[in-house]
Protein backbone atom coordinates (compact mmCIF):
# COMPACT_ATOMS: atom_id res chain seq x y z
CA MET A 1 -16.12 59.74 -49.06
CA SER A 2 -17.69 56.79 -50.89
CA ALA A 3 -20.10 57.33 -53.75
CA ARG A 4 -23.80 57.41 -52.92
CA ILE A 5 -26.96 56.72 -54.90
CA GLU A 6 -30.61 57.48 -54.18
CA TYR A 7 -32.76 54.37 -53.84
CA ARG A 8 -36.50 54.47 -53.31
CA LYS A 9 -39.03 51.67 -53.29
CA GLU A 10 -42.47 51.01 -51.88
CA LEU A 11 -42.32 48.03 -49.53
CA PRO A 12 -45.13 45.65 -48.63
CA VAL A 13 -46.14 45.23 -45.02
CA ALA A 14 -45.58 41.50 -44.57
CA ALA A 15 -46.62 41.07 -40.93
CA GLU A 16 -48.01 42.96 -37.97
CA ALA A 17 -47.83 42.11 -34.28
CA ASP A 18 -48.39 43.56 -30.86
CA VAL A 19 -44.76 42.83 -30.00
CA LEU A 20 -41.97 42.49 -32.52
CA VAL A 21 -38.79 40.86 -31.20
CA VAL A 22 -35.63 41.23 -33.28
CA GLY A 23 -33.02 38.53 -32.70
CA SER A 24 -33.45 35.11 -31.10
CA GLY A 25 -30.36 34.92 -28.91
CA PRO A 26 -30.84 34.43 -25.16
CA ALA A 27 -32.40 37.88 -24.76
CA GLY A 28 -34.68 37.41 -27.77
CA LEU A 29 -35.85 34.00 -26.61
CA GLY A 30 -36.69 35.38 -23.18
CA ALA A 31 -38.47 38.35 -24.70
CA ALA A 32 -40.52 36.45 -27.28
CA ILE A 33 -41.64 33.65 -24.96
CA ALA A 34 -42.53 36.09 -22.16
CA SER A 35 -44.40 38.41 -24.51
CA ALA A 36 -46.54 35.63 -25.96
CA ARG A 37 -47.25 34.15 -22.54
CA ASN A 38 -48.46 37.56 -21.43
CA GLY A 39 -51.10 37.63 -24.13
CA ALA A 40 -49.45 39.65 -26.89
CA ARG A 41 -49.37 38.65 -30.56
CA THR A 42 -45.63 38.15 -30.87
CA LEU A 43 -43.40 37.94 -33.94
CA LEU A 44 -39.78 36.79 -33.52
CA VAL A 45 -37.39 37.67 -36.36
CA GLU A 46 -34.13 35.74 -36.75
CA ARG A 47 -31.45 35.94 -39.46
CA TYR A 48 -30.49 32.26 -39.28
CA GLY A 49 -32.61 29.18 -39.96
CA PHE A 50 -32.62 28.27 -36.27
CA LEU A 51 -32.98 30.00 -32.93
CA GLY A 52 -30.47 30.63 -30.17
CA GLY A 53 -27.94 33.25 -31.27
CA ASN A 54 -24.74 32.76 -29.28
CA LEU A 55 -26.23 29.66 -27.66
CA THR A 56 -26.20 27.96 -31.06
CA ALA A 57 -24.75 29.94 -33.97
CA GLY A 58 -21.93 31.23 -31.79
CA LEU A 59 -21.19 27.84 -30.17
CA VAL A 60 -20.69 29.85 -26.96
CA GLY A 61 -20.80 27.71 -23.87
CA PRO A 62 -21.24 26.81 -21.17
CA CYS A 63 -23.77 29.38 -19.96
CA MET A 64 -21.90 31.34 -17.34
CA THR A 65 -23.21 31.31 -13.81
CA SER A 66 -26.87 32.00 -13.11
CA TYR A 67 -26.05 32.09 -9.40
CA SER A 68 -24.67 34.60 -6.94
CA LEU A 69 -20.91 35.07 -6.98
CA ASP A 70 -20.52 32.73 -4.00
CA GLY A 71 -22.55 30.05 -5.77
CA ARG A 72 -25.19 29.81 -3.05
CA THR A 73 -28.27 31.50 -4.53
CA GLN A 74 -29.81 30.90 -7.93
CA LEU A 75 -30.59 34.36 -9.27
CA ILE A 76 -31.71 33.74 -12.83
CA ARG A 77 -34.74 31.50 -12.98
CA GLY A 78 -37.94 31.87 -14.98
CA ILE A 79 -37.59 31.09 -18.67
CA PHE A 80 -33.87 30.36 -18.33
CA GLU A 81 -34.52 27.73 -15.67
CA GLU A 82 -37.31 26.19 -17.70
CA MET A 83 -35.12 25.93 -20.79
CA VAL A 84 -32.26 24.33 -18.84
CA LEU A 85 -34.56 21.75 -17.25
CA ARG A 86 -36.09 20.86 -20.61
CA MET A 87 -32.65 20.43 -22.17
CA GLU A 88 -31.58 18.34 -19.20
CA ARG A 89 -34.56 16.01 -19.62
CA ILE A 90 -33.44 15.11 -23.15
CA GLY A 91 -29.81 14.69 -22.13
CA GLY A 92 -28.75 18.05 -23.54
CA ALA A 93 -27.66 19.95 -20.41
CA ILE A 94 -26.46 19.65 -16.83
CA HIS A 95 -28.30 21.83 -14.33
CA PRO A 96 -25.93 24.45 -12.88
CA SER A 97 -26.62 23.29 -9.32
CA LYS A 98 -24.63 20.15 -10.21
CA VAL A 99 -21.55 21.94 -11.63
CA ALA A 100 -18.91 23.10 -9.18
CA ALA A 101 -16.18 25.68 -9.74
CA SER A 102 -12.70 24.55 -10.83
CA THR A 103 -14.02 21.52 -12.70
CA GLU A 104 -13.50 20.70 -16.36
CA TYR A 105 -17.04 21.87 -17.22
CA CYS A 106 -16.17 25.43 -16.20
CA GLY A 107 -12.73 25.47 -17.78
CA PHE A 108 -11.00 24.66 -14.46
CA ILE A 109 -11.69 28.27 -13.40
CA THR A 110 -12.75 29.10 -9.85
CA TYR A 111 -13.60 32.79 -9.64
CA GLY A 112 -17.01 33.56 -11.09
CA HIS A 113 -17.40 30.10 -12.57
CA ASP A 114 -19.28 28.24 -9.88
CA LYS A 115 -22.60 26.84 -11.16
CA VAL A 116 -22.16 27.20 -14.90
CA THR A 117 -24.50 25.34 -17.29
CA PRO A 118 -23.00 22.90 -19.80
CA PHE A 119 -25.41 22.28 -22.69
CA ASP A 120 -25.54 20.92 -26.20
CA PRO A 121 -26.26 23.51 -28.93
CA GLU A 122 -28.51 21.11 -30.84
CA ALA A 123 -30.60 20.62 -27.71
CA ALA A 124 -30.79 24.42 -27.39
CA LYS A 125 -32.05 24.75 -30.97
CA LEU A 126 -34.79 22.19 -30.41
CA VAL A 127 -35.95 23.34 -26.98
CA ALA A 128 -35.89 27.02 -27.97
CA MET A 129 -38.09 26.30 -30.97
CA GLU A 130 -40.51 24.18 -28.97
CA MET A 131 -40.86 26.77 -26.19
CA CYS A 132 -41.54 29.55 -28.68
CA LEU A 133 -44.12 27.59 -30.65
CA GLU A 134 -45.87 26.33 -27.51
CA ALA A 135 -46.15 29.92 -26.27
CA GLY A 136 -47.72 31.00 -29.55
CA VAL A 137 -44.77 32.97 -30.93
CA GLU A 138 -44.80 33.44 -34.71
CA LEU A 139 -41.35 32.72 -36.11
CA ARG A 140 -39.83 34.42 -39.12
CA LEU A 141 -36.45 32.80 -39.85
CA HIS A 142 -33.86 33.55 -42.56
CA THR A 143 -34.73 37.22 -42.13
CA LEU A 144 -32.31 40.07 -41.43
CA VAL A 145 -33.50 43.41 -40.07
CA VAL A 146 -31.77 46.21 -41.99
CA ASP A 147 -33.58 49.42 -41.02
CA ALA A 148 -36.10 51.00 -38.68
CA VAL A 149 -39.42 52.57 -39.65
CA THR A 150 -40.33 55.60 -37.59
CA SER A 151 -42.99 58.28 -37.41
CA GLY A 152 -41.44 61.20 -35.61
CA ASP A 153 -39.89 59.73 -32.48
CA VAL A 154 -42.11 56.62 -32.55
CA LEU A 155 -40.77 53.32 -33.85
CA THR A 156 -43.51 51.62 -35.86
CA GLY A 157 -41.65 48.70 -37.41
CA VAL A 158 -38.57 47.49 -39.22
CA VAL A 159 -37.39 46.84 -42.75
CA ALA A 160 -36.40 43.21 -43.21
CA ALA A 161 -34.45 41.52 -46.00
CA SER A 162 -34.95 37.88 -46.93
CA LYS A 163 -35.55 35.57 -49.89
CA SER A 164 -38.94 37.30 -50.07
CA GLY A 165 -37.22 40.63 -50.75
CA LEU A 166 -37.45 43.83 -48.73
CA GLU A 167 -40.51 43.95 -46.50
CA VAL A 168 -41.85 45.89 -43.54
CA LEU A 169 -42.66 44.13 -40.28
CA ARG A 170 -44.76 46.19 -37.91
CA GLY A 171 -44.99 46.03 -34.16
CA THR A 172 -46.88 48.12 -31.64
CA VAL A 173 -43.83 47.66 -29.41
CA THR A 174 -40.45 46.42 -30.62
CA VAL A 175 -37.84 44.70 -28.46
CA ASP A 176 -34.35 45.04 -29.90
CA CYS A 177 -32.47 41.86 -29.01
CA SER A 178 -30.04 42.11 -31.92
CA ALA A 179 -27.18 42.26 -29.36
CA ASP A 180 -25.77 45.23 -31.27
CA GLY A 181 -28.59 47.71 -30.75
CA ASP A 182 -29.19 47.69 -34.51
CA VAL A 183 -32.85 48.71 -34.35
CA ALA A 184 -32.26 51.32 -31.67
CA ALA A 185 -29.38 52.88 -33.60
CA ARG A 186 -31.29 53.00 -36.87
CA ALA A 187 -34.29 54.51 -35.10
CA GLY A 188 -32.11 57.37 -33.81
CA ALA A 189 -31.50 56.28 -30.22
CA PRO A 190 -28.21 57.60 -28.82
CA PHE A 191 -25.52 55.05 -27.94
CA GLU A 192 -21.87 54.60 -27.01
CA MET A 193 -19.26 52.08 -28.10
CA GLY A 194 -16.05 50.81 -26.52
CA ARG A 195 -14.04 51.92 -23.55
CA PRO A 196 -13.98 55.67 -22.78
CA SER A 197 -10.23 56.10 -23.31
CA ASP A 198 -10.07 55.10 -26.98
CA GLY A 199 -13.39 53.57 -28.06
CA LEU A 200 -11.86 50.11 -28.47
CA MET A 201 -14.12 47.15 -27.74
CA GLN A 202 -13.41 43.75 -26.31
CA PRO A 203 -11.94 41.33 -28.86
CA MET A 204 -13.96 38.80 -30.84
CA THR A 205 -13.55 35.04 -30.54
CA LEU A 206 -14.40 32.20 -32.90
CA PHE A 207 -15.48 29.27 -30.78
CA PHE A 208 -14.76 25.77 -32.03
CA ARG A 209 -15.05 22.22 -30.79
CA VAL A 210 -12.48 19.44 -30.89
CA ALA A 211 -13.05 15.70 -30.52
CA ASN A 212 -10.88 12.70 -29.66
CA VAL A 213 -9.39 14.36 -26.57
CA ASP A 214 -8.12 12.24 -23.69
CA ASP A 215 -10.27 13.75 -20.94
CA GLU A 216 -8.45 12.12 -18.04
CA ARG A 217 -5.00 13.24 -19.23
CA VAL A 218 -6.23 16.82 -19.51
CA LYS A 219 -7.67 16.73 -15.99
CA ALA A 220 -4.51 15.14 -14.60
CA TYR A 221 -2.23 17.72 -16.19
CA VAL A 222 -4.29 20.68 -14.96
CA ALA A 223 -4.42 19.20 -11.45
CA ALA A 224 -0.64 18.79 -11.45
CA HIS A 225 -0.06 22.44 -12.44
CA PRO A 226 -2.06 24.60 -10.02
CA GLU A 227 0.38 27.46 -10.62
CA ASP A 228 -0.96 28.01 -14.14
CA TYR A 229 -3.08 31.15 -14.47
CA ARG A 230 -5.28 29.29 -16.93
CA PRO A 231 -4.99 25.71 -18.24
CA PHE A 232 -1.69 25.07 -20.01
CA ALA A 233 -0.50 28.63 -19.29
CA SER A 234 3.11 27.57 -18.70
CA ILE A 235 3.20 25.68 -22.01
CA VAL A 236 1.72 28.71 -23.80
CA GLN A 237 4.24 31.05 -22.15
CA GLN A 238 7.16 28.93 -23.29
CA ALA A 239 5.77 28.67 -26.80
CA ARG A 240 5.28 32.43 -27.01
CA ALA A 241 8.89 32.93 -26.02
CA ARG A 242 9.86 30.70 -28.95
CA GLY A 243 7.49 32.55 -31.29
CA GLU A 244 5.25 29.49 -31.68
CA PHE A 245 2.07 30.93 -30.19
CA PRO A 246 1.11 34.16 -32.00
CA ILE A 247 -2.34 34.53 -30.42
CA PRO A 248 -2.54 37.10 -27.57
CA ARG A 249 -3.64 34.67 -24.86
CA ARG A 250 -1.97 33.63 -21.62
CA GLY A 251 -3.49 30.17 -21.58
CA VAL A 252 -6.04 27.95 -23.24
CA GLY A 253 -9.74 28.52 -22.68
CA LEU A 254 -11.37 25.10 -22.84
CA TYR A 255 -14.60 23.63 -21.52
CA ARG A 256 -15.55 19.97 -21.44
CA THR A 257 -18.88 19.22 -23.13
CA LEU A 258 -21.45 16.52 -22.43
CA GLU A 259 -19.82 14.22 -24.99
CA PRO A 260 -16.72 12.21 -23.96
CA GLY A 261 -13.60 13.54 -25.63
CA VAL A 262 -15.28 16.70 -26.96
CA TRP A 263 -14.25 20.15 -25.69
CA ARG A 264 -15.29 23.71 -26.54
CA ILE A 265 -12.33 25.99 -27.22
CA ASN A 266 -12.52 29.69 -26.37
CA THR A 267 -8.98 30.76 -27.28
CA THR A 268 -8.96 32.63 -30.59
CA ARG A 269 -8.69 36.40 -30.11
CA ILE A 270 -9.30 39.02 -32.80
CA GLN A 271 -8.69 42.58 -31.65
CA ARG A 272 -9.34 46.15 -32.84
CA LEU A 273 -12.34 45.27 -35.01
CA ALA A 274 -15.98 46.37 -34.69
CA GLY A 275 -18.88 43.96 -34.68
CA THR A 276 -21.09 46.59 -36.31
CA SER A 277 -19.03 46.69 -39.51
CA ALA A 278 -19.50 44.10 -42.26
CA HIS A 279 -15.92 44.76 -43.35
CA ASP A 280 -14.56 44.15 -39.86
CA LEU A 281 -16.71 41.07 -39.32
CA THR A 282 -15.41 39.62 -42.57
CA GLN A 283 -11.82 40.20 -41.48
CA ALA A 284 -12.60 38.69 -38.08
CA GLU A 285 -14.02 35.51 -39.64
CA ILE A 286 -10.93 35.13 -41.84
CA GLU A 287 -8.51 35.71 -38.97
CA GLY A 288 -10.53 33.52 -36.61
CA ARG A 289 -10.35 30.51 -38.91
CA ARG A 290 -6.64 31.05 -39.43
CA GLN A 291 -6.18 31.02 -35.67
CA VAL A 292 -8.20 27.81 -35.37
CA LYS A 293 -5.78 26.14 -37.79
CA THR A 294 -2.81 27.43 -35.78
CA LEU A 295 -4.30 26.27 -32.48
CA LEU A 296 -5.09 22.78 -33.75
CA ALA A 297 -1.48 22.26 -34.78
CA PHE A 298 -0.29 23.65 -31.45
CA PHE A 299 -2.66 21.47 -29.44
CA ARG A 300 -1.55 18.29 -31.19
CA LYS A 301 2.12 19.10 -30.73
CA TRP A 302 2.22 20.43 -27.18
CA LEU A 303 -0.90 19.82 -25.07
CA PRO A 304 -1.15 16.58 -23.05
CA GLY A 305 -4.39 14.84 -23.97
CA PHE A 306 -4.79 16.68 -27.28
CA GLU A 307 -2.22 14.74 -29.31
CA ARG A 308 -4.88 13.10 -31.49
CA CYS A 309 -7.55 15.80 -31.33
CA GLU A 310 -9.67 16.49 -34.39
CA LEU A 311 -11.68 19.55 -35.38
CA LEU A 312 -15.36 18.78 -34.89
CA ASP A 313 -16.80 22.14 -35.98
CA THR A 314 -16.41 25.90 -35.86
CA ALA A 315 -19.12 28.39 -34.95
CA ALA A 316 -21.38 29.65 -37.71
CA GLN A 317 -20.35 33.17 -36.76
CA ILE A 318 -17.61 35.00 -34.93
CA GLY A 319 -18.41 35.65 -31.28
CA VAL A 320 -18.79 39.35 -30.48
CA ARG A 321 -18.46 40.47 -26.87
CA GLU A 322 -19.23 44.17 -27.16
CA THR A 323 -20.63 46.74 -29.59
CA ARG A 324 -23.27 49.44 -29.00
CA ARG A 325 -24.55 50.33 -25.56
CA ILE A 326 -27.70 52.42 -25.74
CA ALA A 327 -28.15 55.58 -23.71
CA GLY A 328 -31.11 54.67 -21.55
CA GLU A 329 -33.14 56.26 -18.81
CA TYR A 330 -30.51 54.88 -16.42
CA THR A 331 -26.94 53.78 -17.05
CA LEU A 332 -25.74 50.82 -15.00
CA THR A 333 -22.27 51.45 -13.57
CA LEU A 334 -19.43 49.49 -12.04
CA GLU A 335 -20.16 51.28 -8.76
CA ASP A 336 -23.73 49.90 -8.87
CA LEU A 337 -22.34 46.39 -9.28
CA ALA A 338 -19.75 46.87 -6.54
CA ARG A 339 -22.24 48.29 -4.04
CA GLY A 340 -25.09 45.99 -5.00
CA THR A 341 -27.28 49.07 -5.51
CA GLU A 342 -30.94 48.36 -4.87
CA PHE A 343 -33.31 49.72 -7.52
CA ASP A 344 -37.04 50.26 -7.11
CA ASP A 345 -37.46 49.11 -10.73
CA VAL A 346 -35.28 45.99 -10.49
CA VAL A 347 -36.19 43.40 -13.15
CA ALA A 348 -33.22 41.02 -13.00
CA LEU A 349 -30.43 39.94 -10.67
CA ALA A 350 -26.97 38.66 -11.53
CA GLY A 351 -23.73 37.65 -9.85
CA TYR A 352 -21.27 37.16 -12.69
CA PRO A 353 -18.05 39.19 -12.22
CA VAL A 354 -16.59 41.84 -14.49
CA ASP A 355 -15.09 39.96 -17.44
CA ILE A 356 -13.16 42.33 -19.71
CA HIS A 357 -10.93 40.79 -22.36
CA SER A 358 -8.20 43.20 -23.34
CA PRO A 359 -8.82 45.06 -26.62
CA THR A 360 -5.06 45.38 -27.12
CA GLY A 361 -3.16 42.79 -25.05
CA ASP A 362 -3.23 39.23 -23.76
CA GLY A 363 -4.88 39.93 -20.42
CA GLY A 364 -8.41 40.02 -19.20
CA GLY A 365 -11.20 37.71 -18.24
CA ALA A 366 -12.98 37.29 -14.93
CA THR A 367 -10.03 38.01 -12.64
CA GLY A 368 -11.64 39.86 -9.75
CA GLU A 369 -9.52 42.94 -10.34
CA LEU A 370 -12.74 44.97 -10.63
CA GLU A 371 -14.90 43.83 -7.74
CA THR A 372 -18.65 43.31 -7.72
CA ALA A 373 -21.09 42.51 -4.95
CA ASN A 374 -22.17 38.93 -4.39
CA ILE A 375 -25.54 39.87 -5.93
CA TYR A 376 -26.35 42.97 -7.96
CA GLU A 377 -29.46 44.31 -9.68
CA ILE A 378 -30.40 45.42 -13.18
CA PRO A 379 -33.13 48.09 -13.34
CA TYR A 380 -35.85 48.32 -15.97
CA ARG A 381 -34.72 51.82 -16.96
CA CYS A 382 -31.54 50.34 -18.49
CA LEU A 383 -33.75 48.68 -21.10
CA VAL A 384 -35.58 51.90 -22.07
CA PRO A 385 -33.68 53.98 -24.66
CA LEU A 386 -33.80 57.75 -24.76
CA LYS A 387 -35.50 59.64 -27.60
CA VAL A 388 -37.33 56.69 -29.21
CA GLU A 389 -40.82 55.58 -28.21
CA GLN A 390 -42.35 52.08 -28.43
CA LEU A 391 -38.92 50.48 -28.17
CA LEU A 392 -37.15 48.39 -25.55
CA VAL A 393 -33.63 46.94 -25.69
CA ALA A 394 -32.46 43.76 -23.96
CA GLY A 395 -29.17 41.89 -23.84
CA ARG A 396 -25.66 43.24 -24.12
CA SER A 397 -26.74 46.50 -25.77
CA LEU A 398 -28.47 47.70 -22.60
CA SER A 399 -27.61 51.06 -21.07
CA ALA A 400 -24.41 50.38 -19.12
CA THR A 401 -20.83 51.52 -18.87
CA HIS A 402 -18.04 49.57 -20.54
CA GLU A 403 -17.10 47.94 -17.22
CA ALA A 404 -20.66 47.12 -16.10
CA LEU A 405 -21.46 45.64 -19.50
CA ALA A 406 -18.55 43.23 -19.10
CA ALA A 407 -20.38 41.63 -16.18
CA VAL A 408 -23.97 41.48 -17.48
CA ARG A 409 -23.23 40.65 -21.15
CA VAL A 410 -23.21 36.87 -20.66
CA MET A 411 -26.12 34.63 -21.62
CA PRO A 412 -28.11 34.02 -18.39
CA PRO A 413 -28.45 37.74 -17.50
CA ALA A 414 -29.31 38.43 -21.14
CA MET A 415 -32.19 35.96 -20.98
CA ALA A 416 -33.41 37.46 -17.71
CA MET A 417 -33.36 40.93 -19.28
CA GLY A 418 -35.21 39.53 -22.27
CA GLN A 419 -37.92 38.04 -20.10
CA ALA A 420 -38.35 41.41 -18.40
CA ALA A 421 -38.43 43.33 -21.68
CA GLY A 422 -40.87 40.91 -23.31
CA THR A 423 -43.19 41.06 -20.33
CA ALA A 424 -43.00 44.86 -20.32
CA ALA A 425 -43.61 45.03 -24.08
CA ALA A 426 -46.71 42.84 -23.80
CA LEU A 427 -48.00 44.94 -20.91
CA ALA A 428 -47.43 48.12 -22.91
CA ALA A 429 -48.93 46.81 -26.14
CA THR A 430 -52.05 45.27 -24.63
CA THR A 431 -52.85 48.28 -22.41
CA GLY A 432 -51.89 51.04 -24.84
CA THR A 433 -49.27 52.39 -22.46
CA PRO A 434 -45.87 53.61 -23.69
CA PRO A 435 -43.10 51.24 -22.51
CA ARG A 436 -41.36 53.97 -20.53
CA ARG A 437 -44.57 54.62 -18.58
CA ILE A 438 -45.79 51.15 -17.71
CA PRO A 439 -46.41 50.50 -14.01
CA VAL A 440 -43.21 48.82 -12.86
CA VAL A 441 -44.98 47.30 -9.86
CA GLU A 442 -47.23 45.38 -12.27
CA LEU A 443 -44.23 44.36 -14.38
CA GLN A 444 -42.43 43.02 -11.32
CA SER A 445 -45.55 41.22 -10.15
CA ARG A 446 -45.89 39.46 -13.50
CA LEU A 447 -42.24 38.47 -13.50
CA LEU A 448 -42.55 36.99 -10.03
CA ARG A 449 -45.67 35.04 -10.95
CA GLN A 450 -43.80 33.61 -13.94
CA GLY A 451 -40.85 32.31 -11.98
CA ALA A 452 -38.36 35.18 -12.00
CA TYR A 453 -36.38 36.01 -8.87
CA LEU A 454 -35.95 39.65 -7.89
CA GLY A 455 -34.38 39.29 -4.47
CA GLU A 456 -35.63 38.60 -0.98
CA ARG A 457 -37.42 41.91 -0.63
CA HIS A 458 -39.55 40.86 -3.60
CA ALA A 459 -40.00 37.26 -2.45
CA VAL A 460 -43.70 37.95 -1.95
CA SER A 461 -45.33 39.32 -5.07
CA ARG A 462 -47.15 42.64 -5.07
CA THR A 463 -50.44 40.73 -5.47
CA GLY A 464 -49.83 38.86 -2.23
CA GLY A 465 -48.80 35.50 -3.64
CA ARG A 466 -45.48 33.81 -3.24
CA ALA A 467 -43.04 34.00 -6.11
CA ALA A 468 -42.53 30.75 -7.97
CA PRO A 469 -39.64 28.84 -6.38
CA ALA A 470 -36.59 27.65 -8.26
CA THR A 471 -36.83 24.05 -9.34
């Protein structure tokens, strides 16, 4: 057991808000913008000097599909749709309706990759900031939340660390969009981690971008090798047999960006480490950058079109697919996704398939081995943790099984969950109602009025007006 010391200090209360949102990734952006637009004084806390989380710091992209599995119905609208359209207007995105499956923008993948959203991370930084400020969100950047402040079972705020020191930030309602359930865990909410058999989580990946790629040669090679499981899979298989490809991947994950000759690479794989451990994250960053070096040399030597590629940049942080999953009032299951279970408290729809990267081997991804319905629902109760009051959770730390999480963890569903949680938090804070007791009918009505889509049975809002159409 490591040594321990007792540390006590009185902390100043630096800010107070109706709704405190922790983390500005896709879920946090949805939550903060929705909360402010619903009339709540909203404070958004972010550890970096810019917004976006995996959209920006993680270099993750494109946004996976916001449509049904068959690519026919746009499911995730609202704030997500608005952000995409604003990025598109400044040349920083392509609307998903214009991106077909099997193309270079979706990594040449068919299943589950129809209607993805290519975007530029710098455009995401700018548009995210503008949307928050226009909504009236107060931003607090360069600030890391390190603890929860509770009174009995009620969360009253968080302890934050920054250049200003340790401070308390108070919120009548807090929305944990840390992606790791940090606030919920520190407040005492129960949670699970990893797959049931051994607790192992999906591997981490360090995204990076390469420039000076011959786009047409890459497209021609992939078209000439339809037998490859993933792009360049046969080249990777041969290299692994020679001991020249030590990374546990069957192919190369690559996505063309909006810039000619520039591609995102999703191929590093760091296994058996936990994204909730500073020690493990450090080791993951070290190993991830070593793998980037290995991959660059491999690309230049073996991949057609990559002979003269150059490293453009690496992500500011390792990409984490899975950590804590809170125990909520309802746990979303694979069976729910497969059946397309209808929930009275539905607050978001999605159609992305189960996408589990192997914690131990080279397999995984969106393969269709675990089936889902064309459209499935996410209920509000998955965002409401047990045992802690005045707290909601949105994003990949929702209440779900390991398999269900692998489908809803991607960025568009996270933003839809965030919009629902932020709207619910504002409703709770401004009416003095605990989040777990808000009228869900009113929550759904607000979401519909603000552009969300909750399925055909909710196409007419509870107030009698039509839901806002997709643009």
